[in-house]
N, C-alpha and C. Protein backbone atom coordinates (compact mmCIF):
# COMPACT_ATOMS: atom_id res chain seq x y z
N UNK A 1 18.74 -2.91 -10.48
CA UNK A 1 18.25 -3.73 -11.56
C UNK A 1 19.32 -3.73 -12.66
N UNK A 2 19.50 -4.88 -13.27
CA UNK A 2 20.51 -4.98 -14.33
C UNK A 2 20.07 -4.22 -15.58
N UNK A 3 21.03 -3.89 -16.42
CA UNK A 3 20.72 -3.22 -17.68
C UNK A 3 19.85 -4.11 -18.56
N UNK A 4 20.13 -5.41 -18.56
CA UNK A 4 19.35 -6.36 -19.37
C UNK A 4 17.90 -6.40 -18.91
N UNK A 5 17.68 -6.44 -17.61
CA UNK A 5 16.31 -6.47 -17.07
C UNK A 5 15.60 -5.16 -17.37
N UNK A 6 16.28 -4.06 -17.19
CA UNK A 6 15.69 -2.74 -17.46
C UNK A 6 15.29 -2.63 -18.93
N UNK A 7 16.14 -3.11 -19.82
CA UNK A 7 15.85 -3.06 -21.26
C UNK A 7 14.66 -3.97 -21.61
N UNK A 8 14.60 -5.15 -21.00
CA UNK A 8 13.49 -6.08 -21.27
C UNK A 8 12.17 -5.47 -20.81
N UNK A 9 12.17 -4.81 -19.67
CA UNK A 9 10.95 -4.19 -19.16
C UNK A 9 10.53 -2.99 -19.99
N UNK A 10 11.49 -2.29 -20.55
CA UNK A 10 11.20 -1.10 -21.35
C UNK A 10 10.81 -1.44 -22.79
N UNK A 11 11.13 -2.64 -23.24
CA UNK A 11 10.85 -3.05 -24.62
C UNK A 11 9.34 -3.19 -24.82
N UNK A 12 8.77 -2.33 -25.65
CA UNK A 12 7.32 -2.33 -25.87
C UNK A 12 6.84 -3.60 -26.58
N UNK A 13 7.76 -4.39 -27.11
CA UNK A 13 7.39 -5.65 -27.73
C UNK A 13 7.15 -6.76 -26.71
N UNK A 14 7.50 -6.51 -25.47
CA UNK A 14 7.30 -7.50 -24.40
C UNK A 14 6.05 -7.18 -23.60
N UNK A 15 5.29 -8.21 -23.27
CA UNK A 15 4.20 -8.04 -22.32
C UNK A 15 4.80 -8.16 -20.93
N UNK A 16 4.52 -7.20 -20.08
CA UNK A 16 5.04 -7.22 -18.72
C UNK A 16 3.86 -7.32 -17.77
N UNK A 17 3.91 -8.32 -16.90
CA UNK A 17 2.81 -8.60 -15.98
C UNK A 17 3.21 -8.29 -14.55
N UNK A 18 2.23 -7.92 -13.76
CA UNK A 18 2.39 -7.85 -12.31
C UNK A 18 1.48 -8.92 -11.74
N UNK A 19 2.08 -9.89 -11.11
CA UNK A 19 1.32 -10.99 -10.53
C UNK A 19 0.53 -10.55 -9.30
N UNK A 20 -0.64 -11.15 -9.14
CA UNK A 20 -1.42 -10.95 -7.92
C UNK A 20 -0.59 -11.38 -6.71
N UNK A 21 0.31 -12.32 -6.91
CA UNK A 21 1.19 -12.78 -5.83
C UNK A 21 2.11 -11.65 -5.38
N UNK A 22 2.65 -10.90 -6.31
CA UNK A 22 3.51 -9.76 -5.96
C UNK A 22 2.71 -8.68 -5.24
N UNK A 23 1.49 -8.43 -5.70
CA UNK A 23 0.63 -7.46 -5.02
C UNK A 23 0.34 -7.92 -3.59
N UNK A 24 0.08 -9.20 -3.42
CA UNK A 24 -0.17 -9.77 -2.10
C UNK A 24 1.05 -9.59 -1.21
N UNK A 25 2.23 -9.89 -1.73
CA UNK A 25 3.46 -9.76 -0.95
C UNK A 25 3.69 -8.30 -0.55
N UNK A 26 3.45 -7.38 -1.45
CA UNK A 26 3.59 -5.95 -1.13
C UNK A 26 2.64 -5.57 0.00
N UNK A 27 1.39 -6.01 -0.08
CA UNK A 27 0.40 -5.69 0.97
C UNK A 27 0.79 -6.29 2.31
N UNK A 28 1.27 -7.52 2.31
CA UNK A 28 1.68 -8.18 3.55
C UNK A 28 2.88 -7.46 4.17
N UNK A 29 3.87 -7.15 3.35
CA UNK A 29 5.07 -6.48 3.88
C UNK A 29 4.74 -5.09 4.41
N UNK A 30 3.83 -4.38 3.74
CA UNK A 30 3.44 -3.07 4.25
C UNK A 30 2.71 -3.22 5.58
N UNK A 31 1.80 -4.18 5.66
CA UNK A 31 1.02 -4.38 6.89
C UNK A 31 1.92 -4.75 8.07
N UNK A 32 3.00 -5.46 7.81
CA UNK A 32 3.93 -5.86 8.87
C UNK A 32 4.95 -4.78 9.20
N UNK A 33 4.90 -3.67 8.46
CA UNK A 33 5.84 -2.58 8.70
C UNK A 33 7.20 -2.79 8.06
N UNK A 34 7.29 -3.74 7.12
CA UNK A 34 8.56 -4.03 6.45
C UNK A 34 8.71 -3.32 5.11
N UNK A 35 7.69 -2.56 4.72
CA UNK A 35 7.73 -1.85 3.44
C UNK A 35 7.02 -0.52 3.61
N UNK A 36 7.75 0.55 3.40
CA UNK A 36 7.20 1.89 3.55
C UNK A 36 6.77 2.41 2.18
N UNK A 37 5.47 2.56 2.00
CA UNK A 37 4.92 3.08 0.75
C UNK A 37 4.30 4.44 1.00
N UNK A 38 4.14 5.21 -0.05
CA UNK A 38 3.57 6.55 0.08
C UNK A 38 2.07 6.55 0.36
N UNK A 39 1.44 5.40 0.19
CA UNK A 39 0.00 5.26 0.43
C UNK A 39 -0.30 3.78 0.69
N UNK A 40 -1.52 3.47 1.12
CA UNK A 40 -1.86 2.07 1.36
C UNK A 40 -1.67 1.22 0.10
N UNK A 41 -1.24 -0.01 0.29
CA UNK A 41 -0.98 -0.92 -0.84
C UNK A 41 -2.20 -1.05 -1.76
N UNK A 42 -3.40 -0.98 -1.20
CA UNK A 42 -4.62 -1.10 -2.00
C UNK A 42 -4.75 0.02 -3.03
N UNK A 43 -4.15 1.15 -2.77
CA UNK A 43 -4.14 2.23 -3.75
C UNK A 43 -2.83 2.24 -4.55
N UNK A 44 -1.74 1.97 -3.86
CA UNK A 44 -0.40 2.04 -4.47
C UNK A 44 -0.24 1.05 -5.62
N UNK A 45 -0.58 -0.21 -5.39
CA UNK A 45 -0.33 -1.25 -6.40
C UNK A 45 -1.09 -0.98 -7.70
N UNK A 46 -2.42 -0.81 -7.66
CA UNK A 46 -3.10 -0.58 -8.94
C UNK A 46 -2.68 0.73 -9.62
N UNK A 47 -2.39 1.74 -8.83
CA UNK A 47 -1.99 3.02 -9.41
C UNK A 47 -0.68 2.88 -10.20
N UNK A 48 0.31 2.23 -9.58
CA UNK A 48 1.59 2.10 -10.25
C UNK A 48 1.57 1.03 -11.33
N UNK A 49 0.73 0.02 -11.18
CA UNK A 49 0.59 -0.98 -12.25
C UNK A 49 0.06 -0.29 -13.50
N UNK A 50 -0.93 0.57 -13.32
CA UNK A 50 -1.49 1.30 -14.47
C UNK A 50 -0.49 2.32 -15.03
N UNK A 51 0.19 3.04 -14.16
CA UNK A 51 1.18 4.02 -14.59
C UNK A 51 2.28 3.36 -15.42
N UNK A 52 2.72 2.20 -14.97
CA UNK A 52 3.79 1.48 -15.67
C UNK A 52 3.26 0.60 -16.80
N UNK A 53 1.95 0.59 -16.99
CA UNK A 53 1.28 -0.19 -18.03
C UNK A 53 1.60 -1.68 -17.94
N UNK A 54 1.51 -2.20 -16.72
CA UNK A 54 1.72 -3.62 -16.48
C UNK A 54 0.38 -4.34 -16.57
N UNK A 55 0.40 -5.53 -17.13
CA UNK A 55 -0.81 -6.35 -17.21
C UNK A 55 -1.01 -7.08 -15.89
N UNK A 56 -2.26 -7.24 -15.51
CA UNK A 56 -2.55 -8.01 -14.30
C UNK A 56 -2.37 -9.50 -14.59
N UNK A 57 -1.77 -10.22 -13.65
CA UNK A 57 -1.67 -11.67 -13.76
C UNK A 57 -2.35 -12.26 -12.53
N UNK A 58 -3.62 -12.64 -12.67
CA UNK A 58 -4.34 -13.20 -11.52
C UNK A 58 -3.81 -14.58 -11.16
N UNK A 59 -4.08 -14.98 -9.95
CA UNK A 59 -3.73 -16.33 -9.51
C UNK A 59 -4.83 -17.27 -9.96
N UNK A 60 -4.46 -18.26 -10.74
CA UNK A 60 -5.46 -19.18 -11.30
C UNK A 60 -5.22 -20.60 -10.77
N UNK A 61 -6.23 -21.42 -10.92
CA UNK A 61 -6.20 -22.78 -10.41
C UNK A 61 -5.03 -23.60 -10.97
N UNK A 62 -4.78 -23.49 -12.27
CA UNK A 62 -3.69 -24.27 -12.88
C UNK A 62 -2.35 -23.92 -12.24
N UNK A 63 -2.12 -22.64 -11.95
CA UNK A 63 -0.87 -22.24 -11.31
C UNK A 63 -0.78 -22.77 -9.88
N UNK A 64 -1.88 -22.69 -9.16
CA UNK A 64 -1.90 -23.19 -7.78
C UNK A 64 -1.60 -24.68 -7.73
N UNK A 65 -2.19 -25.44 -8.63
CA UNK A 65 -1.99 -26.88 -8.64
C UNK A 65 -0.59 -27.28 -9.09
N UNK A 66 0.09 -26.38 -9.78
CA UNK A 66 1.48 -26.62 -10.22
C UNK A 66 2.41 -26.79 -9.01
N UNK A 67 2.06 -26.20 -7.89
CA UNK A 67 2.94 -26.22 -6.72
C UNK A 67 3.22 -27.65 -6.23
N UNK A 68 2.29 -28.56 -6.44
CA UNK A 68 2.50 -29.95 -6.02
C UNK A 68 3.61 -30.63 -6.82
N UNK A 69 3.90 -30.14 -8.01
CA UNK A 69 4.94 -30.72 -8.85
C UNK A 69 6.26 -29.96 -8.78
N UNK A 70 6.29 -28.92 -7.98
CA UNK A 70 7.46 -28.05 -7.93
C UNK A 70 8.51 -28.59 -6.96
N UNK A 71 9.77 -28.72 -7.40
CA UNK A 71 10.83 -29.12 -6.46
C UNK A 71 10.96 -28.09 -5.34
N UNK A 72 11.47 -28.50 -4.20
CA UNK A 72 11.57 -27.61 -3.03
C UNK A 72 12.87 -26.81 -3.02
N UNK A 73 13.31 -26.31 -4.16
CA UNK A 73 14.54 -25.53 -4.23
C UNK A 73 14.42 -24.20 -3.50
N UNK A 74 13.21 -23.70 -3.38
CA UNK A 74 12.98 -22.39 -2.76
C UNK A 74 11.89 -22.55 -1.72
N UNK A 75 12.08 -21.96 -0.54
CA UNK A 75 11.10 -22.11 0.54
C UNK A 75 10.12 -20.94 0.63
N UNK A 76 10.43 -19.81 0.01
CA UNK A 76 9.56 -18.64 0.09
C UNK A 76 8.26 -18.91 -0.67
N UNK A 77 7.11 -18.89 0.01
CA UNK A 77 5.85 -19.24 -0.66
C UNK A 77 5.46 -18.26 -1.78
N UNK A 78 5.80 -16.99 -1.64
CA UNK A 78 5.50 -16.03 -2.69
C UNK A 78 6.32 -16.37 -3.95
N UNK A 79 7.60 -16.60 -3.77
CA UNK A 79 8.46 -16.92 -4.92
C UNK A 79 8.06 -18.24 -5.56
N UNK A 80 7.68 -19.22 -4.75
CA UNK A 80 7.24 -20.51 -5.30
C UNK A 80 6.00 -20.33 -6.19
N UNK A 81 5.07 -19.49 -5.76
CA UNK A 81 3.87 -19.28 -6.57
C UNK A 81 4.19 -18.49 -7.83
N UNK A 82 5.12 -17.55 -7.75
CA UNK A 82 5.54 -16.84 -8.96
C UNK A 82 6.15 -17.82 -9.97
N UNK A 83 6.93 -18.76 -9.48
CA UNK A 83 7.51 -19.79 -10.35
C UNK A 83 6.40 -20.63 -10.96
N UNK A 84 5.40 -21.00 -10.16
CA UNK A 84 4.27 -21.79 -10.68
C UNK A 84 3.55 -21.03 -11.78
N UNK A 85 3.33 -19.75 -11.59
CA UNK A 85 2.68 -18.95 -12.63
C UNK A 85 3.55 -18.89 -13.89
N UNK A 86 4.85 -18.73 -13.72
CA UNK A 86 5.75 -18.67 -14.88
C UNK A 86 5.72 -19.98 -15.66
N UNK A 87 5.74 -21.10 -14.95
CA UNK A 87 5.67 -22.41 -15.62
C UNK A 87 4.34 -22.55 -16.35
N UNK A 88 3.26 -22.30 -15.66
CA UNK A 88 1.92 -22.49 -16.22
C UNK A 88 1.66 -21.61 -17.44
N UNK A 89 2.13 -20.38 -17.40
CA UNK A 89 1.82 -19.42 -18.45
C UNK A 89 2.97 -19.17 -19.43
N UNK A 90 4.07 -19.90 -19.25
CA UNK A 90 5.21 -19.75 -20.17
C UNK A 90 5.85 -18.38 -20.09
N UNK A 91 5.98 -17.86 -18.89
CA UNK A 91 6.52 -16.52 -18.68
C UNK A 91 7.92 -16.60 -18.08
N UNK A 92 8.67 -15.53 -18.23
CA UNK A 92 9.97 -15.39 -17.57
C UNK A 92 9.77 -14.51 -16.34
N UNK A 93 10.68 -14.63 -15.39
CA UNK A 93 10.64 -13.82 -14.18
C UNK A 93 11.87 -12.91 -14.18
N UNK A 94 11.66 -11.65 -13.84
CA UNK A 94 12.76 -10.70 -13.68
C UNK A 94 13.22 -10.81 -12.23
N UNK A 95 14.41 -11.39 -12.03
CA UNK A 95 14.92 -11.58 -10.67
C UNK A 95 16.41 -11.94 -10.68
N UNK A 96 17.14 -11.51 -9.64
CA UNK A 96 18.52 -11.95 -9.47
C UNK A 96 18.61 -13.15 -8.50
N UNK A 97 17.46 -13.63 -8.03
CA UNK A 97 17.43 -14.68 -7.00
C UNK A 97 18.09 -15.97 -7.50
N UNK A 98 19.20 -16.39 -6.89
CA UNK A 98 19.91 -17.58 -7.35
C UNK A 98 19.13 -18.88 -7.14
N UNK A 99 18.16 -18.88 -6.25
CA UNK A 99 17.36 -20.09 -6.03
C UNK A 99 16.33 -20.28 -7.14
N UNK A 100 15.80 -19.19 -7.66
CA UNK A 100 14.77 -19.28 -8.70
C UNK A 100 15.36 -19.80 -10.01
N UNK A 101 16.64 -19.54 -10.25
CA UNK A 101 17.24 -20.02 -11.51
C UNK A 101 17.29 -21.54 -11.58
N UNK A 102 17.06 -22.21 -10.48
CA UNK A 102 17.06 -23.68 -10.47
C UNK A 102 15.80 -24.27 -11.09
N UNK A 103 14.80 -23.46 -11.31
CA UNK A 103 13.53 -23.95 -11.86
C UNK A 103 13.53 -23.85 -13.38
N UNK A 104 12.69 -24.64 -14.04
CA UNK A 104 12.66 -24.65 -15.51
C UNK A 104 11.85 -23.50 -16.10
N UNK A 105 12.31 -22.28 -15.84
CA UNK A 105 11.64 -21.08 -16.35
C UNK A 105 12.68 -20.13 -16.89
N UNK A 106 12.23 -19.18 -17.68
CA UNK A 106 13.13 -18.14 -18.15
C UNK A 106 13.38 -17.12 -17.05
N UNK A 107 14.61 -16.67 -16.97
CA UNK A 107 15.00 -15.64 -16.00
C UNK A 107 15.58 -14.48 -16.78
N UNK A 108 15.18 -13.29 -16.42
CA UNK A 108 15.76 -12.08 -17.01
C UNK A 108 16.48 -11.34 -15.89
N UNK A 109 17.77 -11.16 -16.05
CA UNK A 109 18.53 -10.34 -15.10
C UNK A 109 19.79 -9.83 -15.73
């Protein structure tokens, strides 16, 4: 993680969210054997979200419907929904992904 991203996440003046989409992706990757966690995702995600004091960002209808207006710059469905949430809620995404920077959202890296 970049120093800028680490500082932004540590800044208590910033609200930091964990999207339900990220939790979903973690659970899927663990179930497929692509992510080794110390415990099942159903326990791991909420435990570490609370430990890190991250706010929950549920998937809402407005974000889902945003996908119809989203250019096809990125094919990953998880990343596309994270972009939709960022657009809908005016949030930035912490990522080095060069495809996500093509969207009209703030990027922290």
